[in-house]
């Protein structure tokens, strides 16, 4: 396979320029150049994924129904409000895969909300059932198609340091065992992460 290194170099420079522009825009808004780093540990994020699994399963069914019926399907997403805090925390997971759970589910819920509003108003021209289903299916694929049993931090996923990754996953399994054995500790620690998020959310 031929790799056009000149083209690749151009693409990297373009991405760097976009990144710098993004940082300048943040500074112009009175924000730090970069948003806060992910702060939810992988083990906690995996357990949060387990808690929001009902929403994930619903998205699979909703996408299939939309695709099979080839029509827009309204749904009251307010019943998922009870999962909002968990999903927001998942957006800030240190994990590569679990981070997609928060981002993806929230994106899909927002889409279904907009579809429902359009159907109720009789203004559905902006939505195509196939595109709606495809959007959700693509996020499901990014989320791995099922609840993760293990995950790897973004840095290690991109570095391909397999030894460090194995060490991290061993530590995560031990942490999962601790949290599963002490639900009160897990709840208290999640609450602490939420308080931390509340203190920094204005920096995103």
C-alpha atoms as a PDB file:
ATOM      1  CA  UNK A   1       0.000   0.000   0.000  1.00  0.00           C
ATOM      2  CA  UNK A   2       1.448   3.362  -1.054  1.00  0.00           C
ATOM      3  CA  UNK A   3       1.467   6.102   1.595  1.00  0.00           C
ATOM      4  CA  UNK A   4       1.595   9.675   0.373  1.00  0.00           C
ATOM      5  CA  UNK A   5       3.738  11.168   3.134  1.00  0.00           C
ATOM      6  CA  UNK A   6       3.521  14.670   1.674  1.00  0.00           C
ATOM      7  CA  UNK A   7      -0.256  14.537   1.778  1.00  0.00           C
ATOM      8  CA  UNK A   8      -0.159  13.063   5.276  1.00  0.00           C
ATOM      9  CA  UNK A   9       2.144  15.864   6.422  1.00  0.00           C
ATOM     10  CA  UNK A  10      -0.238  18.434   4.945  1.00  0.00           C
ATOM     11  CA  UNK A  11      -3.168  16.854   6.767  1.00  0.00           C
ATOM     12  CA  UNK A  12      -1.285  16.903  10.072  1.00  0.00           C
ATOM     13  CA  UNK A  13      -0.436  20.570   9.591  1.00  0.00           C
ATOM     14  CA  UNK A  14      -4.089  21.329   8.816  1.00  0.00           C
ATOM     15  CA  UNK A  15      -5.195  19.566  11.986  1.00  0.00           C
ATOM     16  CA  UNK A  16      -2.592  21.446  14.011  1.00  0.00           C
ATOM     17  CA  UNK A  17      -3.845  24.742  12.588  1.00  0.00           C
ATOM     18  CA  UNK A  18      -7.441  23.833  13.420  1.00  0.00           C
ATOM     19  CA  UNK A  19      -6.379  22.906  16.941  1.00  0.00           C
ATOM     20  CA  UNK A  20      -4.602  26.220  17.404  1.00  0.00           C
ATOM     21  CA  UNK A  21      -7.625  28.114  16.061  1.00  0.00           C
ATOM     22  CA  UNK A  22      -9.865  26.225  18.479  1.00  0.00           C
ATOM     23  CA  UNK A  23      -7.551  27.161  21.368  1.00  0.00           C
ATOM     24  CA  UNK A  24      -7.528  30.823  20.314  1.00  0.00           C
ATOM     25  CA  UNK A  25     -11.329  30.858  20.166  1.00  0.00           C
ATOM     26  CA  UNK A  26     -11.486  29.457  23.699  1.00  0.00           C
ATOM     27  CA  UNK A  27      -9.099  32.112  24.988  1.00  0.00           C
ATOM     28  CA  UNK A  28     -11.165  34.821  23.259  1.00  0.00           C
ATOM     29  CA  UNK A  29     -14.190  33.582  25.219  1.00  0.00           C
ATOM     30  CA  UNK A  30     -12.289  33.914  28.487  1.00  0.00           C
ATOM     31  CA  UNK A  31     -11.632  30.175  28.783  1.00  0.00           C
ATOM     32  CA  UNK A  32      -8.307  28.364  29.224  1.00  0.00           C
ATOM     33  CA  UNK A  33      -6.766  27.227  25.896  1.00  0.00           C
ATOM     34  CA  UNK A  34      -7.646  23.609  26.604  1.00  0.00           C
ATOM     35  CA  UNK A  35     -10.631  22.132  28.453  1.00  0.00           C
ATOM     36  CA  UNK A  36     -10.024  20.185  31.680  1.00  0.00           C
ATOM     37  CA  UNK A  37      -8.529  16.725  31.357  1.00  0.00           C
ATOM     38  CA  UNK A  38     -10.758  13.638  31.685  1.00  0.00           C
ATOM     39  CA  UNK A  39     -11.078  12.785  35.369  1.00  0.00           C
ATOM     40  CA  UNK A  40     -13.368   9.771  35.826  1.00  0.00           C
ATOM     41  CA  UNK A  41     -11.296   6.592  36.382  1.00  0.00           C
ATOM     42  CA  UNK A  42     -11.853   3.701  34.003  1.00  0.00           C
ATOM     43  CA  UNK A  43     -13.268   1.330  36.646  1.00  0.00           C
ATOM     44  CA  UNK A  44     -15.885   3.858  37.727  1.00  0.00           C
ATOM     45  CA  UNK A  45     -16.732   4.543  34.083  1.00  0.00           C
ATOM     46  CA  UNK A  46     -17.302   0.853  33.353  1.00  0.00           C
ATOM     47  CA  UNK A  47     -19.763   0.629  36.229  1.00  0.00           C
ATOM     48  CA  UNK A  48     -21.486   3.795  35.002  1.00  0.00           C
ATOM     49  CA  UNK A  49     -21.837   2.145  31.584  1.00  0.00           C
ATOM     50  CA  UNK A  50     -23.589  -0.747  33.302  1.00  0.00           C
ATOM     51  CA  UNK A  51     -25.987   1.694  34.953  1.00  0.00           C
ATOM     52  CA  UNK A  52     -26.918   3.397  31.669  1.00  0.00           C
ATOM     53  CA  UNK A  53     -27.176   0.137  29.710  1.00  0.00           C
ATOM     54  CA  UNK A  54     -31.011   0.403  29.503  1.00  0.00           C
ATOM     55  CA  UNK A  55     -30.599   3.563  27.410  1.00  0.00           C
ATOM     56  CA  UNK A  56     -28.017   1.857  25.208  1.00  0.00           C
ATOM     57  CA  UNK A  57     -30.371  -1.085  24.602  1.00  0.00           C
ATOM     58  CA  UNK A  58     -33.188   1.313  23.779  1.00  0.00           C
ATOM     59  CA  UNK A  59     -31.038   3.058  21.163  1.00  0.00           C
ATOM     60  CA  UNK A  60     -30.402  -0.257  19.415  1.00  0.00           C
ATOM     61  CA  UNK A  61     -34.140  -0.976  19.278  1.00  0.00           C
ATOM     62  CA  UNK A  62     -35.014   2.579  18.239  1.00  0.00           C
ATOM     63  CA  UNK A  63     -32.506   2.557  15.379  1.00  0.00           C
ATOM     64  CA  UNK A  64     -33.820  -0.803  14.155  1.00  0.00           C
ATOM     65  CA  UNK A  65     -37.459   0.307  14.330  1.00  0.00           C
ATOM     66  CA  UNK A  66     -36.651   3.527  12.480  1.00  0.00           C
ATOM     67  CA  UNK A  67     -34.738   1.663   9.783  1.00  0.00           C
ATOM     68  CA  UNK A  68     -37.296  -1.147   9.365  1.00  0.00           C
ATOM     69  CA  UNK A  69     -40.298   1.191   9.304  1.00  0.00           C
ATOM     70  CA  UNK A  70     -38.472   3.809   7.212  1.00  0.00           C
ATOM     71  CA  UNK A  71     -40.241   6.521   9.140  1.00  0.00           C
ATOM     72  CA  UNK A  72     -39.478   8.962  11.931  1.00  0.00           C
ATOM     73  CA  UNK A  73     -40.546   7.698  15.342  1.00  0.00           C
ATOM     74  CA  UNK A  74     -41.341  10.180  18.147  1.00  0.00           C
ATOM     75  CA  UNK A  75     -40.324   9.248  21.675  1.00  0.00           C
ATOM     76  CA  UNK A  76     -40.405  11.082  25.008  1.00  0.00           C
ATOM     77  CA  UNK A  77     -36.740  11.093  26.020  1.00  0.00           C
ATOM     78  CA  UNK A  78     -37.470  12.850  29.327  1.00  0.00           C
ATOM     79  CA  UNK A  79     -37.705   9.420  30.937  1.00  0.00           C
ATOM     80  CA  UNK A  80     -33.938   9.194  30.471  1.00  0.00           C
ATOM     81  CA  UNK A  81     -33.340  12.282  32.619  1.00  0.00           C
ATOM     82  CA  UNK A  82     -32.451  10.035  35.558  1.00  0.00           C
ATOM     83  CA  UNK A  83     -29.372   8.872  33.638  1.00  0.00           C
ATOM     84  CA  UNK A  84     -28.137  12.364  32.759  1.00  0.00           C
ATOM     85  CA  UNK A  85     -25.564  12.724  35.528  1.00  0.00           C
ATOM     86  CA  UNK A  86     -24.040   9.317  34.778  1.00  0.00           C
ATOM     87  CA  UNK A  87     -23.857  10.146  31.071  1.00  0.00           C
ATOM     88  CA  UNK A  88     -22.234  13.513  31.707  1.00  0.00           C
ATOM     89  CA  UNK A  89     -19.607  11.867  33.902  1.00  0.00           C
ATOM     90  CA  UNK A  90     -18.988   9.254  31.213  1.00  0.00           C
ATOM     91  CA  UNK A  91     -18.186  12.049  28.776  1.00  0.00           C
ATOM     92  CA  UNK A  92     -15.241  12.793  31.045  1.00  0.00           C
ATOM     93  CA  UNK A  93     -14.010   9.230  31.441  1.00  0.00           C
ATOM     94  CA  UNK A  94     -10.289   8.625  31.186  1.00  0.00           C
ATOM     95  CA  UNK A  95     -11.146   5.535  29.137  1.00  0.00           C
ATOM     96  CA  UNK A  96     -11.066   5.384  25.351  1.00  0.00           C
ATOM     97  CA  UNK A  97     -14.234   3.308  24.918  1.00  0.00           C
ATOM     98  CA  UNK A  98     -16.237   4.382  27.960  1.00  0.00           C
ATOM     99  CA  UNK A  99     -15.781   8.020  26.960  1.00  0.00           C
ATOM    100  CA  UNK A 100     -17.722   7.283  23.782  1.00  0.00           C
ATOM    101  CA  UNK A 101     -20.623   5.977  25.880  1.00  0.00           C
ATOM    102  CA  UNK A 102     -21.304   9.359  27.430  1.00  0.00           C
ATOM    103  CA  UNK A 103     -20.776  11.307  24.224  1.00  0.00           C
ATOM    104  CA  UNK A 104     -22.653   8.865  22.007  1.00  0.00           C
ATOM    105  CA  UNK A 105     -25.716   8.270  24.138  1.00  0.00           C
ATOM    106  CA  UNK A 106     -26.172  11.985  24.807  1.00  0.00           C
ATOM    107  CA  UNK A 107     -25.819  12.746  21.085  1.00  0.00           C
ATOM    108  CA  UNK A 108     -28.396  10.082  20.191  1.00  0.00           C
ATOM    109  CA  UNK A 109     -30.850  11.232  22.861  1.00  0.00           C
ATOM    110  CA  UNK A 110     -30.548  14.785  21.558  1.00  0.00           C
ATOM    111  CA  UNK A 111     -31.231  13.587  18.000  1.00  0.00           C
ATOM    112  CA  UNK A 112     -34.327  11.633  19.076  1.00  0.00           C
ATOM    113  CA  UNK A 113     -35.545  14.689  20.986  1.00  0.00           C
ATOM    114  CA  UNK A 114     -35.178  16.849  17.866  1.00  0.00           C
ATOM    115  CA  UNK A 115     -36.879  14.209  15.708  1.00  0.00           C
ATOM    116  CA  UNK A 116     -39.771  14.027  18.168  1.00  0.00           C
ATOM    117  CA  UNK A 117     -40.172  17.823  18.191  1.00  0.00           C
ATOM    118  CA  UNK A 118     -40.155  17.860  14.388  1.00  0.00           C
ATOM    119  CA  UNK A 119     -42.801  15.119  14.178  1.00  0.00           C
ATOM    120  CA  UNK A 120     -45.019  16.851  16.737  1.00  0.00           C
ATOM    121  CA  UNK A 121     -44.783  20.118  14.788  1.00  0.00           C
ATOM    122  CA  UNK A 122     -45.263  18.417  11.425  1.00  0.00           C
ATOM    123  CA  UNK A 123     -41.896  19.763  10.263  1.00  0.00           C
ATOM    124  CA  UNK A 124     -39.991  16.604   9.369  1.00  0.00           C
ATOM    125  CA  UNK A 125     -38.350  17.765   6.142  1.00  0.00           C
ATOM    126  CA  UNK A 126     -34.943  18.117   7.807  1.00  0.00           C
ATOM    127  CA  UNK A 127     -34.821  14.460   8.891  1.00  0.00           C
ATOM    128  CA  UNK A 128     -34.420  11.287   6.865  1.00  0.00           C
ATOM    129  CA  UNK A 129     -35.258   8.014   8.698  1.00  0.00           C
ATOM    130  CA  UNK A 130     -32.306   6.223   7.107  1.00  0.00           C
ATOM    131  CA  UNK A 131     -29.861   8.952   8.184  1.00  0.00           C
ATOM    132  CA  UNK A 132     -31.316   8.984  11.709  1.00  0.00           C
ATOM    133  CA  UNK A 133     -30.888   5.211  12.045  1.00  0.00           C
ATOM    134  CA  UNK A 134     -27.411   5.354  10.497  1.00  0.00           C
ATOM    135  CA  UNK A 135     -26.314   8.078  12.927  1.00  0.00           C
ATOM    136  CA  UNK A 136     -27.369   5.988  15.923  1.00  0.00           C
ATOM    137  CA  UNK A 137     -25.872   2.774  14.524  1.00  0.00           C
ATOM    138  CA  UNK A 138     -22.538   4.514  13.973  1.00  0.00           C
ATOM    139  CA  UNK A 139     -22.436   5.661  17.578  1.00  0.00           C
ATOM    140  CA  UNK A 140     -23.369   2.153  18.749  1.00  0.00           C
ATOM    141  CA  UNK A 141     -20.412   0.849  16.763  1.00  0.00           C
ATOM    142  CA  UNK A 142     -18.094   3.431  18.336  1.00  0.00           C
ATOM    143  CA  UNK A 143     -19.358   2.341  21.751  1.00  0.00           C
ATOM    144  CA  UNK A 144     -18.307  -1.217  20.984  1.00  0.00           C
ATOM    145  CA  UNK A 145     -21.771  -2.709  20.565  1.00  0.00           C
ATOM    146  CA  UNK A 146     -22.035  -3.860  24.202  1.00  0.00           C
ATOM    147  CA  UNK A 147     -21.214  -2.839  27.752  1.00  0.00           C
ATOM    148  CA  UNK A 148     -17.408  -2.759  28.096  1.00  0.00           C
ATOM    149  CA  UNK A 149     -15.878  -5.219  30.545  1.00  0.00           C
ATOM    150  CA  UNK A 150     -12.512  -3.428  30.376  1.00  0.00           C
ATOM    151  CA  UNK A 151     -11.153  -0.257  28.849  1.00  0.00           C
ATOM    152  CA  UNK A 152      -7.885   1.549  28.206  1.00  0.00           C
ATOM    153  CA  UNK A 153      -7.010   5.184  28.780  1.00  0.00           C
ATOM    154  CA  UNK A 154      -6.796   7.473  25.749  1.00  0.00           C
ATOM    155  CA  UNK A 155      -3.052   7.941  26.140  1.00  0.00           C
ATOM    156  CA  UNK A 156      -2.269   4.220  26.199  1.00  0.00           C
ATOM    157  CA  UNK A 157      -4.726   3.425  23.394  1.00  0.00           C
ATOM    158  CA  UNK A 158      -2.888   5.843  21.136  1.00  0.00           C
ATOM    159  CA  UNK A 159       0.648   4.992  22.293  1.00  0.00           C
ATOM    160  CA  UNK A 160       0.374   1.225  21.635  1.00  0.00           C
ATOM    161  CA  UNK A 161       2.330   0.576  24.836  1.00  0.00           C
ATOM    162  CA  UNK A 162       0.968  -2.923  25.400  1.00  0.00           C
ATOM    163  CA  UNK A 163       2.907  -3.560  28.594  1.00  0.00           C
ATOM    164  CA  UNK A 164       1.590  -0.379  30.209  1.00  0.00           C
ATOM    165  CA  UNK A 165      -1.896  -1.156  28.905  1.00  0.00           C
ATOM    166  CA  UNK A 166      -1.836  -4.626  30.459  1.00  0.00           C
ATOM    167  CA  UNK A 167      -0.689  -3.145  33.780  1.00  0.00           C
ATOM    168  CA  UNK A 168      -3.472  -0.552  33.686  1.00  0.00           C
ATOM    169  CA  UNK A 169      -6.101  -3.167  32.906  1.00  0.00           C
ATOM    170  CA  UNK A 170      -4.909  -5.360  35.785  1.00  0.00           C
ATOM    171  CA  UNK A 171      -5.260  -2.366  38.107  1.00  0.00           C
ATOM    172  CA  UNK A 172      -8.702  -1.610  36.664  1.00  0.00           C
ATOM    173  CA  UNK A 173      -9.907  -5.159  37.306  1.00  0.00           C
ATOM    174  CA  UNK A 174      -8.737  -4.911  40.912  1.00  0.00           C
ATOM    175  CA  UNK A 175     -10.509  -1.564  41.280  1.00  0.00           C
ATOM    176  CA  UNK A 176     -13.687  -3.020  39.748  1.00  0.00           C
ATOM    177  CA  UNK A 177     -13.587  -5.824  42.292  1.00  0.00           C
ATOM    178  CA  UNK A 178     -13.260  -3.285  45.119  1.00  0.00           C
ATOM    179  CA  UNK A 179     -16.130  -1.136  43.884  1.00  0.00           C
ATOM    180  CA  UNK A 180     -18.460  -4.064  43.231  1.00  0.00           C
ATOM    181  CA  UNK A 181     -17.851  -5.269  46.775  1.00  0.00           C
ATOM    182  CA  UNK A 182     -18.598  -1.863  48.289  1.00  0.00           C
ATOM    183  CA  UNK A 183     -21.560  -0.156  46.614  1.00  0.00           C
ATOM    184  CA  UNK A 184     -21.597   2.616  49.212  1.00  0.00           C
ATOM    185  CA  UNK A 185     -18.000   3.533  48.395  1.00  0.00           C
ATOM    186  CA  UNK A 186     -18.788   3.557  44.677  1.00  0.00           C
ATOM    187  CA  UNK A 187     -21.801   5.823  45.210  1.00  0.00           C
ATOM    188  CA  UNK A 188     -19.798   8.190  47.409  1.00  0.00           C
ATOM    189  CA  UNK A 189     -16.924   8.387  44.936  1.00  0.00           C
ATOM    190  CA  UNK A 190     -19.267   9.020  42.004  1.00  0.00           C
ATOM    191  CA  UNK A 191     -20.856  11.819  44.002  1.00  0.00           C
ATOM    192  CA  UNK A 192     -17.384  13.269  44.604  1.00  0.00           C
ATOM    193  CA  UNK A 193     -16.633  13.197  40.869  1.00  0.00           C
ATOM    194  CA  UNK A 194     -19.935  14.922  40.204  1.00  0.00           C
ATOM    195  CA  UNK A 195     -19.089  17.700  42.666  1.00  0.00           C
ATOM    196  CA  UNK A 196     -15.741  18.096  40.931  1.00  0.00           C
ATOM    197  CA  UNK A 197     -17.480  18.341  37.557  1.00  0.00           C
ATOM    198  CA  UNK A 198     -19.829  21.016  38.933  1.00  0.00           C
ATOM    199  CA  UNK A 199     -16.791  23.015  40.035  1.00  0.00           C
ATOM    200  CA  UNK A 200     -15.131  22.965  36.599  1.00  0.00           C
ATOM    201  CA  UNK A 201     -18.014  22.713  34.107  1.00  0.00           C
ATOM    202  CA  UNK A 202     -17.694  26.414  33.279  1.00  0.00           C
ATOM    203  CA  UNK A 203     -14.223  25.690  31.868  1.00  0.00           C
ATOM    204  CA  UNK A 204     -15.436  23.395  29.075  1.00  0.00           C
END
